[in-house]
Structure formats: C-alpha cells, structure tokens
C-alpha cells in the first residue's frame, strides 16, 4: 500500500546475511534519493530477517513505536562449542563433552528461560557503556562486564534437533539478545552453544512474510512497498 504522503513512509525489509543494518539504510538512500532514513532495531551482520525502516524525516521520528515491540526469532544453535561473540563469526572453541544432550533434557533446560530473566549482553554488541559501544571496546581488547538486564521470554520451543544442531523458536521482549540466550543454554546443558543462524520473523504485529527482499527494490518501484501503518495494525487486531 502507498501512503498518501509521497515523501516517504515505512517499509519492511528482509535483510540478507553478510551486511549490516546500516548497509540496508545506505542502499535505501541510494534507491530513494532520500537522505533521512533509519531502522527500528539492529540485526547482526550474519543474521537475516525483518527490519523495519522509516524513510523521510516524518517517519524516522516515529520509529521508536516499533523499537519496544516484542520480537520473534528462529535460531539455529551449534552445540558442543563456544564462541567469544556467541555466534559463528567469533573465535570458536570446541568443547569436550561426555554425553550428547537428549531432546527431553534440552526441553527441560529451555523451561528455565521462560518468563522474566536476567541476561548479560554479549561483549561484542552495540550496547553502549559510558558512550562506547561494547564491540568497540572488545575489539581494542578492553574487557568490560556489562550489567545484567531484565528481559522476558514468552515462548521458547524446539523446531528441530539433530546434534550438534538445535533449531528453536523464541518469542521475547525487546532488548533480548538471542546470542546471550544461546550461550546461557549451552552453559546449562554443560556442552556449550553459539548461534549459527538467526532469523527475525516478527516485530510486534509485523511479519517477515510481508517484507520485501532488498535486491528487488528499484528507484521505480520502492514506493509500491510502503506500508500503511494504521491499516496493518487494524488487520492484526
């Protein structure tokens, strides 16, 4: 749907792996010729999935309405190893395990993470401490232990399990780090774990099914994919 305001709007993008969320912003600036563009929540470069962007000053100002919405992810964990970044892009250390976790054991462990929990953000993350992003400090070898933060896990379930790969679906509050969750699950299982693949499938009522592939946007068609915020919300009431 096209918004009446021709100066911009909101757009749902299915971010590909291998680029940053800011790379998506830069690409949209190139396509739309509009400088004022922002997104409503970073996805790690290795991650894929739903990214909500505001195009134009009027719409970037409204991005905070999306930032506090609950999220849904599908994550593939690699058991039997740990990563200093809690994902596949970090330094991987294989763990010696005496017993491969059974599915029933994993199900019991996952129950520990339901509800309100405290988690420590990854050392390699965009969270700021005294004005510095954690990944900037980590890259300089400066060790900082972030304070635990409270988040909520509404649902966590196993989609597939074939050791060493465990695929889970997580519905959670804004601010939840799936990489930290994976690392904590690995510690509980005493075998280690990190995120190998991560897809964000929902932000509030907005789903990846309605997102457009970045590669399909052109200077001629991008306005066709702007969403009518009120209409989308009414459809999901």
C-alpha atoms as a PDB file:
ATOM      1  CA  UNK A   1       0.000   0.000   0.000  1.00  0.00           C
ATOM      2  CA  UNK A   2       1.211   3.513  -0.781  1.00  0.00           C
ATOM      3  CA  UNK A   3       0.889   6.192   1.840  1.00  0.00           C
ATOM      4  CA  UNK A   4      -0.702   9.469   0.776  1.00  0.00           C
ATOM      5  CA  UNK A   5       2.469  11.288   1.812  1.00  0.00           C
ATOM      6  CA  UNK A   6       4.784  10.903  -1.193  1.00  0.00           C
ATOM      7  CA  UNK A   7       7.847  11.991   0.810  1.00  0.00           C
ATOM      8  CA  UNK A   8       8.362   8.580   2.363  1.00  0.00           C
ATOM      9  CA  UNK A   9       6.889   6.023   4.717  1.00  0.00           C
ATOM     10  CA  UNK A  10       7.626   2.752   6.493  1.00  0.00           C
ATOM     11  CA  UNK A  11       8.959  -0.288   4.692  1.00  0.00           C
ATOM     12  CA  UNK A  12       9.556  -3.889   5.778  1.00  0.00           C
ATOM     13  CA  UNK A  13      12.836  -5.355   4.509  1.00  0.00           C
ATOM     14  CA  UNK A  14      14.016  -8.960   4.668  1.00  0.00           C
ATOM     15  CA  UNK A  15      17.685  -8.305   5.435  1.00  0.00           C
ATOM     16  CA  UNK A  16      20.117 -10.734   3.797  1.00  0.00           C
ATOM     17  CA  UNK A  17      23.111 -12.185   5.632  1.00  0.00           C
ATOM     18  CA  UNK A  18      26.523 -10.585   5.293  1.00  0.00           C
ATOM     19  CA  UNK A  19      25.574  -6.926   5.538  1.00  0.00           C
ATOM     20  CA  UNK A  20      24.888  -4.589   8.440  1.00  0.00           C
ATOM     21  CA  UNK A  21      21.575  -2.917   9.177  1.00  0.00           C
ATOM     22  CA  UNK A  22      23.242   0.384   8.298  1.00  0.00           C
ATOM     23  CA  UNK A  23      24.209  -1.074   4.910  1.00  0.00           C
ATOM     24  CA  UNK A  24      20.468  -1.508   4.288  1.00  0.00           C
ATOM     25  CA  UNK A  25      19.940   2.164   5.182  1.00  0.00           C
ATOM     26  CA  UNK A  26      22.692   3.205   2.752  1.00  0.00           C
ATOM     27  CA  UNK A  27      21.175   1.083  -0.023  1.00  0.00           C
ATOM     28  CA  UNK A  28      17.749   2.639   0.511  1.00  0.00           C
ATOM     29  CA  UNK A  29      19.264   6.119   0.407  1.00  0.00           C
ATOM     30  CA  UNK A  30      20.766   5.215  -2.953  1.00  0.00           C
ATOM     31  CA  UNK A  31      17.464   3.855  -4.264  1.00  0.00           C
ATOM     32  CA  UNK A  32      15.104   6.522  -2.926  1.00  0.00           C
ATOM     33  CA  UNK A  33      17.430   9.545  -3.101  1.00  0.00           C
ATOM     34  CA  UNK A  34      16.162  10.398   0.397  1.00  0.00           C
ATOM     35  CA  UNK A  35      18.851  11.037   2.999  1.00  0.00           C
ATOM     36  CA  UNK A  36      16.784  10.799   6.198  1.00  0.00           C
ATOM     37  CA  UNK A  37      16.333   7.025   6.680  1.00  0.00           C
ATOM     38  CA  UNK A  38      16.585   4.934   9.843  1.00  0.00           C
ATOM     39  CA  UNK A  39      15.741   1.498  11.166  1.00  0.00           C
ATOM     40  CA  UNK A  40      13.872   0.312  14.239  1.00  0.00           C
ATOM     41  CA  UNK A  41      16.349  -2.194  15.628  1.00  0.00           C
ATOM     42  CA  UNK A  42      19.687  -3.615  14.548  1.00  0.00           C
ATOM     43  CA  UNK A  43      20.210  -7.106  13.190  1.00  0.00           C
ATOM     44  CA  UNK A  44      23.711  -8.581  13.410  1.00  0.00           C
ATOM     45  CA  UNK A  45      25.518  -8.860  10.037  1.00  0.00           C
ATOM     46  CA  UNK A  46      25.266 -12.677   9.999  1.00  0.00           C
ATOM     47  CA  UNK A  47      21.545 -12.558  10.839  1.00  0.00           C
ATOM     48  CA  UNK A  48      18.671 -12.291   8.380  1.00  0.00           C
ATOM     49  CA  UNK A  49      15.041 -11.328   8.613  1.00  0.00           C
ATOM     50  CA  UNK A  50      12.681  -8.498   9.374  1.00  0.00           C
ATOM     51  CA  UNK A  51      13.976  -4.951   9.530  1.00  0.00           C
ATOM     52  CA  UNK A  52      11.524  -2.035   9.762  1.00  0.00           C
ATOM     53  CA  UNK A  53      12.756   1.207   8.244  1.00  0.00           C
ATOM     54  CA  UNK A  54      11.410   4.739   8.183  1.00  0.00           C
ATOM     55  CA  UNK A  55      12.016   6.749   5.018  1.00  0.00           C
ATOM     56  CA  UNK A  56      11.864  10.528   5.401  1.00  0.00           C
ATOM     57  CA  UNK A  57      12.039  12.799   8.436  1.00  0.00           C
ATOM     58  CA  UNK A  58       8.366  12.420   9.381  1.00  0.00           C
ATOM     59  CA  UNK A  59       8.698   8.644   9.558  1.00  0.00           C
ATOM     60  CA  UNK A  60      12.116   8.287  11.181  1.00  0.00           C
ATOM     61  CA  UNK A  61      10.717  10.308  14.082  1.00  0.00           C
ATOM     62  CA  UNK A  62       8.078   7.608  14.597  1.00  0.00           C
ATOM     63  CA  UNK A  63      10.478   4.636  14.605  1.00  0.00           C
ATOM     64  CA  UNK A  64      10.508   4.402  18.455  1.00  0.00           C
ATOM     65  CA  UNK A  65       6.958   2.979  18.301  1.00  0.00           C
ATOM     66  CA  UNK A  66       8.472  -0.181  16.794  1.00  0.00           C
ATOM     67  CA  UNK A  67      11.566  -0.398  18.988  1.00  0.00           C
ATOM     68  CA  UNK A  68       9.764  -1.533  22.155  1.00  0.00           C
ATOM     69  CA  UNK A  69       7.605  -4.130  20.430  1.00  0.00           C
ATOM     70  CA  UNK A  70       8.052  -7.829  21.188  1.00  0.00           C
ATOM     71  CA  UNK A  71      10.101  -9.897  18.761  1.00  0.00           C
ATOM     72  CA  UNK A  72      10.091 -13.431  17.352  1.00  0.00           C
ATOM     73  CA  UNK A  73      13.194 -15.273  16.148  1.00  0.00           C
ATOM     74  CA  UNK A  74      14.170 -18.627  14.718  1.00  0.00           C
ATOM     75  CA  UNK A  75      17.693 -19.540  15.755  1.00  0.00           C
ATOM     76  CA  UNK A  76      19.917 -22.482  14.891  1.00  0.00           C
ATOM     77  CA  UNK A  77      22.311 -23.251  17.730  1.00  0.00           C
ATOM     78  CA  UNK A  78      25.519 -25.205  17.363  1.00  0.00           C
ATOM     79  CA  UNK A  79      26.023 -27.323  20.470  1.00  0.00           C
ATOM     80  CA  UNK A  80      29.375 -28.667  21.613  1.00  0.00           C
ATOM     81  CA  UNK A  81      31.327 -25.439  21.108  1.00  0.00           C
ATOM     82  CA  UNK A  82      31.543 -21.844  22.332  1.00  0.00           C
ATOM     83  CA  UNK A  83      32.233 -18.524  20.621  1.00  0.00           C
ATOM     84  CA  UNK A  84      33.580 -15.307  22.138  1.00  0.00           C
ATOM     85  CA  UNK A  85      30.910 -13.389  20.189  1.00  0.00           C
ATOM     86  CA  UNK A  86      28.253 -16.037  20.955  1.00  0.00           C
ATOM     87  CA  UNK A  87      27.799 -16.540  17.188  1.00  0.00           C
ATOM     88  CA  UNK A  88      29.520 -18.167  14.208  1.00  0.00           C
ATOM     89  CA  UNK A  89      31.620 -15.107  13.437  1.00  0.00           C
ATOM     90  CA  UNK A  90      33.667 -15.238  16.615  1.00  0.00           C
ATOM     91  CA  UNK A  91      36.578 -17.346  17.814  1.00  0.00           C
ATOM     92  CA  UNK A  92      35.175 -20.879  18.067  1.00  0.00           C
ATOM     93  CA  UNK A  93      36.388 -23.266  20.762  1.00  0.00           C
ATOM     94  CA  UNK A  94      35.235 -26.879  20.633  1.00  0.00           C
ATOM     95  CA  UNK A  95      34.090 -28.347  23.943  1.00  0.00           C
ATOM     96  CA  UNK A  96      34.834 -31.841  25.109  1.00  0.00           C
ATOM     97  CA  UNK A  97      31.519 -33.383  26.110  1.00  0.00           C
ATOM     98  CA  UNK A  98      30.966 -36.727  27.730  1.00  0.00           C
ATOM     99  CA  UNK A  99      27.308 -37.118  26.821  1.00  0.00           C
ATOM    100  CA  UNK A 100      25.236 -35.762  23.935  1.00  0.00           C
ATOM    101  CA  UNK A 101      22.151 -33.995  25.343  1.00  0.00           C
ATOM    102  CA  UNK A 102      18.865 -35.751  24.672  1.00  0.00           C
ATOM    103  CA  UNK A 103      15.857 -33.830  23.365  1.00  0.00           C
ATOM    104  CA  UNK A 104      13.936 -34.296  26.623  1.00  0.00           C
ATOM    105  CA  UNK A 105      16.877 -32.887  28.584  1.00  0.00           C
ATOM    106  CA  UNK A 106      17.003 -29.848  26.298  1.00  0.00           C
ATOM    107  CA  UNK A 107      13.268 -29.282  26.691  1.00  0.00           C
ATOM    108  CA  UNK A 108      13.672 -29.208  30.472  1.00  0.00           C
ATOM    109  CA  UNK A 109      16.577 -26.784  30.256  1.00  0.00           C
ATOM    110  CA  UNK A 110      14.628 -24.426  27.978  1.00  0.00           C
ATOM    111  CA  UNK A 111      11.884 -24.145  30.607  1.00  0.00           C
ATOM    112  CA  UNK A 112      14.395 -22.364  32.859  1.00  0.00           C
ATOM    113  CA  UNK A 113      14.389 -19.426  30.475  1.00  0.00           C
ATOM    114  CA  UNK A 114      10.646 -18.805  30.320  1.00  0.00           C
ATOM    115  CA  UNK A 115       9.301 -15.639  31.918  1.00  0.00           C
ATOM    116  CA  UNK A 116      11.361 -12.727  33.189  1.00  0.00           C
ATOM    117  CA  UNK A 117      15.063 -13.484  33.245  1.00  0.00           C
ATOM    118  CA  UNK A 118      18.310 -11.583  33.608  1.00  0.00           C
ATOM    119  CA  UNK A 119      20.871 -11.822  30.839  1.00  0.00           C
ATOM    120  CA  UNK A 120      24.231 -10.222  30.185  1.00  0.00           C
ATOM    121  CA  UNK A 121      24.601  -8.610  26.730  1.00  0.00           C
ATOM    122  CA  UNK A 122      27.351 -10.096  24.535  1.00  0.00           C
ATOM    123  CA  UNK A 123      30.755  -8.432  24.762  1.00  0.00           C
ATOM    124  CA  UNK A 124      30.509  -7.931  21.001  1.00  0.00           C
ATOM    125  CA  UNK A 125      27.258  -5.961  20.795  1.00  0.00           C
ATOM    126  CA  UNK A 126      26.044  -2.450  20.000  1.00  0.00           C
ATOM    127  CA  UNK A 127      25.042  -1.773  23.610  1.00  0.00           C
ATOM    128  CA  UNK A 128      26.725   1.338  24.997  1.00  0.00           C
ATOM    129  CA  UNK A 129      28.660   1.742  28.243  1.00  0.00           C
ATOM    130  CA  UNK A 130      29.780   5.290  29.053  1.00  0.00           C
ATOM    131  CA  UNK A 131      29.151   6.308  25.457  1.00  0.00           C
ATOM    132  CA  UNK A 132      31.196   3.481  23.934  1.00  0.00           C
ATOM    133  CA  UNK A 133      29.698   0.503  22.139  1.00  0.00           C
ATOM    134  CA  UNK A 134      30.727  -2.834  23.622  1.00  0.00           C
ATOM    135  CA  UNK A 135      32.072  -4.188  20.336  1.00  0.00           C
ATOM    136  CA  UNK A 136      34.376  -1.163  20.029  1.00  0.00           C
ATOM    137  CA  UNK A 137      35.844  -1.879  23.453  1.00  0.00           C
ATOM    138  CA  UNK A 138      36.077  -5.621  22.775  1.00  0.00           C
ATOM    139  CA  UNK A 139      37.988  -5.073  19.542  1.00  0.00           C
ATOM    140  CA  UNK A 140      40.525  -2.988  21.471  1.00  0.00           C
ATOM    141  CA  UNK A 141      40.955  -5.785  23.989  1.00  0.00           C
ATOM    142  CA  UNK A 142      39.260  -3.797  26.742  1.00  0.00           C
ATOM    143  CA  UNK A 143      37.317  -6.189  28.938  1.00  0.00           C
ATOM    144  CA  UNK A 144      34.064  -4.827  30.304  1.00  0.00           C
ATOM    145  CA  UNK A 145      31.426  -6.837  32.102  1.00  0.00           C
ATOM    146  CA  UNK A 146      28.018  -5.379  31.214  1.00  0.00           C
ATOM    147  CA  UNK A 147      25.338  -5.302  33.881  1.00  0.00           C
ATOM    148  CA  UNK A 148      22.622  -7.962  33.609  1.00  0.00           C
ATOM    149  CA  UNK A 149      19.380  -6.662  32.171  1.00  0.00           C
ATOM    150  CA  UNK A 150      15.872  -7.972  32.648  1.00  0.00           C
ATOM    151  CA  UNK A 151      14.073  -9.356  29.592  1.00  0.00           C
ATOM    152  CA  UNK A 152      11.059 -11.593  29.063  1.00  0.00           C
ATOM    153  CA  UNK A 153      10.874 -14.859  27.170  1.00  0.00           C
ATOM    154  CA  UNK A 154       7.246 -15.594  26.326  1.00  0.00           C
ATOM    155  CA  UNK A 155       7.830 -18.770  24.357  1.00  0.00           C
ATOM    156  CA  UNK A 156      10.787 -20.979  23.533  1.00  0.00           C
ATOM    157  CA  UNK A 157      10.343 -24.245  21.683  1.00  0.00           C
ATOM    158  CA  UNK A 158      12.352 -26.796  19.740  1.00  0.00           C
ATOM    159  CA  UNK A 159      11.690 -26.888  15.995  1.00  0.00           C
ATOM    160  CA  UNK A 160      14.399 -29.401  15.061  1.00  0.00           C
ATOM    161  CA  UNK A 161      17.162 -31.240  16.869  1.00  0.00           C
ATOM    162  CA  UNK A 162      19.923 -33.275  15.304  1.00  0.00           C
ATOM    163  CA  UNK A 163      23.099 -32.929  17.348  1.00  0.00           C
ATOM    164  CA  UNK A 164      25.061 -30.713  17.137  1.00  0.00           C
ATOM    165  CA  UNK A 165      22.332 -28.501  15.620  1.00  0.00           C
ATOM    166  CA  UNK A 166      19.361 -27.289  17.620  1.00  0.00           C
ATOM    167  CA  UNK A 167      16.745 -25.080  15.948  1.00  0.00           C
ATOM    168  CA  UNK A 168      14.490 -23.109  18.282  1.00  0.00           C
ATOM    169  CA  UNK A 169      11.740 -20.500  18.030  1.00  0.00           C
ATOM    170  CA  UNK A 170      11.802 -17.683  20.573  1.00  0.00           C
ATOM    171  CA  UNK A 171       9.154 -15.062  21.318  1.00  0.00           C
ATOM    172  CA  UNK A 172      10.613 -12.390  23.558  1.00  0.00           C
ATOM    173  CA  UNK A 173      10.577  -8.801  24.723  1.00  0.00           C
ATOM    174  CA  UNK A 174      12.518  -6.008  23.111  1.00  0.00           C
ATOM    175  CA  UNK A 175      16.141  -5.934  24.270  1.00  0.00           C
ATOM    176  CA  UNK A 176      16.577  -9.714  24.365  1.00  0.00           C
ATOM    177  CA  UNK A 177      19.883 -10.980  22.956  1.00  0.00           C
ATOM    178  CA  UNK A 178      19.384 -14.351  21.287  1.00  0.00           C
ATOM    179  CA  UNK A 179      23.160 -14.823  21.235  1.00  0.00           C
ATOM    180  CA  UNK A 180      23.286 -14.459  25.026  1.00  0.00           C
ATOM    181  CA  UNK A 181      20.344 -16.828  25.343  1.00  0.00           C
ATOM    182  CA  UNK A 182      22.168 -19.425  23.230  1.00  0.00           C
ATOM    183  CA  UNK A 183      25.328 -19.081  25.310  1.00  0.00           C
ATOM    184  CA  UNK A 184      23.335 -19.490  28.536  1.00  0.00           C
ATOM    185  CA  UNK A 185      21.535 -22.550  27.150  1.00  0.00           C
ATOM    186  CA  UNK A 186      24.916 -24.080  26.323  1.00  0.00           C
ATOM    187  CA  UNK A 187      26.132 -23.482  29.869  1.00  0.00           C
ATOM    188  CA  UNK A 188      23.007 -25.090  31.345  1.00  0.00           C
ATOM    189  CA  UNK A 189      23.488 -28.110  29.099  1.00  0.00           C
ATOM    190  CA  UNK A 190      27.194 -28.162  30.043  1.00  0.00           C
ATOM    191  CA  UNK A 191      28.180 -28.581  26.421  1.00  0.00           C
ATOM    192  CA  UNK A 192      28.461 -25.021  25.140  1.00  0.00           C
ATOM    193  CA  UNK A 193      26.440 -23.405  22.361  1.00  0.00           C
ATOM    194  CA  UNK A 194      26.517 -20.480  19.976  1.00  0.00           C
ATOM    195  CA  UNK A 195      24.189 -19.116  17.288  1.00  0.00           C
ATOM    196  CA  UNK A 196      24.959 -20.400  13.822  1.00  0.00           C
ATOM    197  CA  UNK A 197      21.937 -18.923  12.054  1.00  0.00           C
ATOM    198  CA  UNK A 198      19.419 -16.303  13.174  1.00  0.00           C
ATOM    199  CA  UNK A 199      16.228 -15.075  11.521  1.00  0.00           C
ATOM    200  CA  UNK A 200      13.983 -12.370  12.933  1.00  0.00           C
ATOM    201  CA  UNK A 201      10.494 -13.359  11.877  1.00  0.00           C
ATOM    202  CA  UNK A 202       8.287 -10.828  13.688  1.00  0.00           C
ATOM    203  CA  UNK A 203       8.360  -7.362  15.241  1.00  0.00           C
ATOM    204  CA  UNK A 204       5.097  -6.832  17.087  1.00  0.00           C
ATOM    205  CA  UNK A 205       2.291  -7.453  14.604  1.00  0.00           C
ATOM    206  CA  UNK A 206       4.600  -7.170  11.599  1.00  0.00           C
ATOM    207  CA  UNK A 207       5.745 -10.415   9.969  1.00  0.00           C
ATOM    208  CA  UNK A 208       8.582 -11.352   7.650  1.00  0.00           C
ATOM    209  CA  UNK A 209       6.009 -12.714   5.185  1.00  0.00           C
ATOM    210  CA  UNK A 210       5.181  -9.123   4.242  1.00  0.00           C
ATOM    211  CA  UNK A 211       8.797  -7.998   3.904  1.00  0.00           C
ATOM    212  CA  UNK A 212      10.452  -7.307   0.568  1.00  0.00           C
ATOM    213  CA  UNK A 213      13.857  -8.573  -0.498  1.00  0.00           C
ATOM    214  CA  UNK A 214      16.338  -5.697  -0.670  1.00  0.00           C
ATOM    215  CA  UNK A 215      17.540  -6.878  -4.087  1.00  0.00           C
ATOM    216  CA  UNK A 216      14.053  -6.400  -5.548  1.00  0.00           C
ATOM    217  CA  UNK A 217      13.804  -2.682  -4.764  1.00  0.00           C
ATOM    218  CA  UNK A 218      14.458  -0.164  -7.518  1.00  0.00           C
ATOM    219  CA  UNK A 219      14.155   3.644  -7.868  1.00  0.00           C
ATOM    220  CA  UNK A 220      10.983   2.968  -9.855  1.00  0.00           C
ATOM    221  CA  UNK A 221       9.147   0.541  -7.553  1.00  0.00           C
ATOM    222  CA  UNK A 222      10.133   1.269  -3.922  1.00  0.00           C
ATOM    223  CA  UNK A 223       7.033   3.361  -3.196  1.00  0.00           C
ATOM    224  CA  UNK A 224       4.868   0.340  -4.022  1.00  0.00           C
ATOM    225  CA  UNK A 225       6.163  -1.388  -0.890  1.00  0.00           C
ATOM    226  CA  UNK A 226       5.497   1.360   1.649  1.00  0.00           C
ATOM    227  CA  UNK A 227       3.093   0.155   4.328  1.00  0.00           C
ATOM    228  CA  UNK A 228       0.021   1.885   5.695  1.00  0.00           C
ATOM    229  CA  UNK A 229       0.668   1.661   9.434  1.00  0.00           C
ATOM    230  CA  UNK A 230      -2.958   2.068  10.544  1.00  0.00           C
ATOM    231  CA  UNK A 231      -4.200  -0.467   8.023  1.00  0.00           C
ATOM    232  CA  UNK A 232      -1.607  -3.062   9.072  1.00  0.00           C
ATOM    233  CA  UNK A 233      -2.453  -2.627  12.749  1.00  0.00           C
ATOM    234  CA  UNK A 234      -6.189  -2.940  12.118  1.00  0.00           C
ATOM    235  CA  UNK A 235      -5.675  -6.201  10.224  1.00  0.00           C
ATOM    236  CA  UNK A 236      -3.923  -7.683  13.248  1.00  0.00           C
ATOM    237  CA  UNK A 237      -6.398  -6.582  15.922  1.00  0.00           C
END
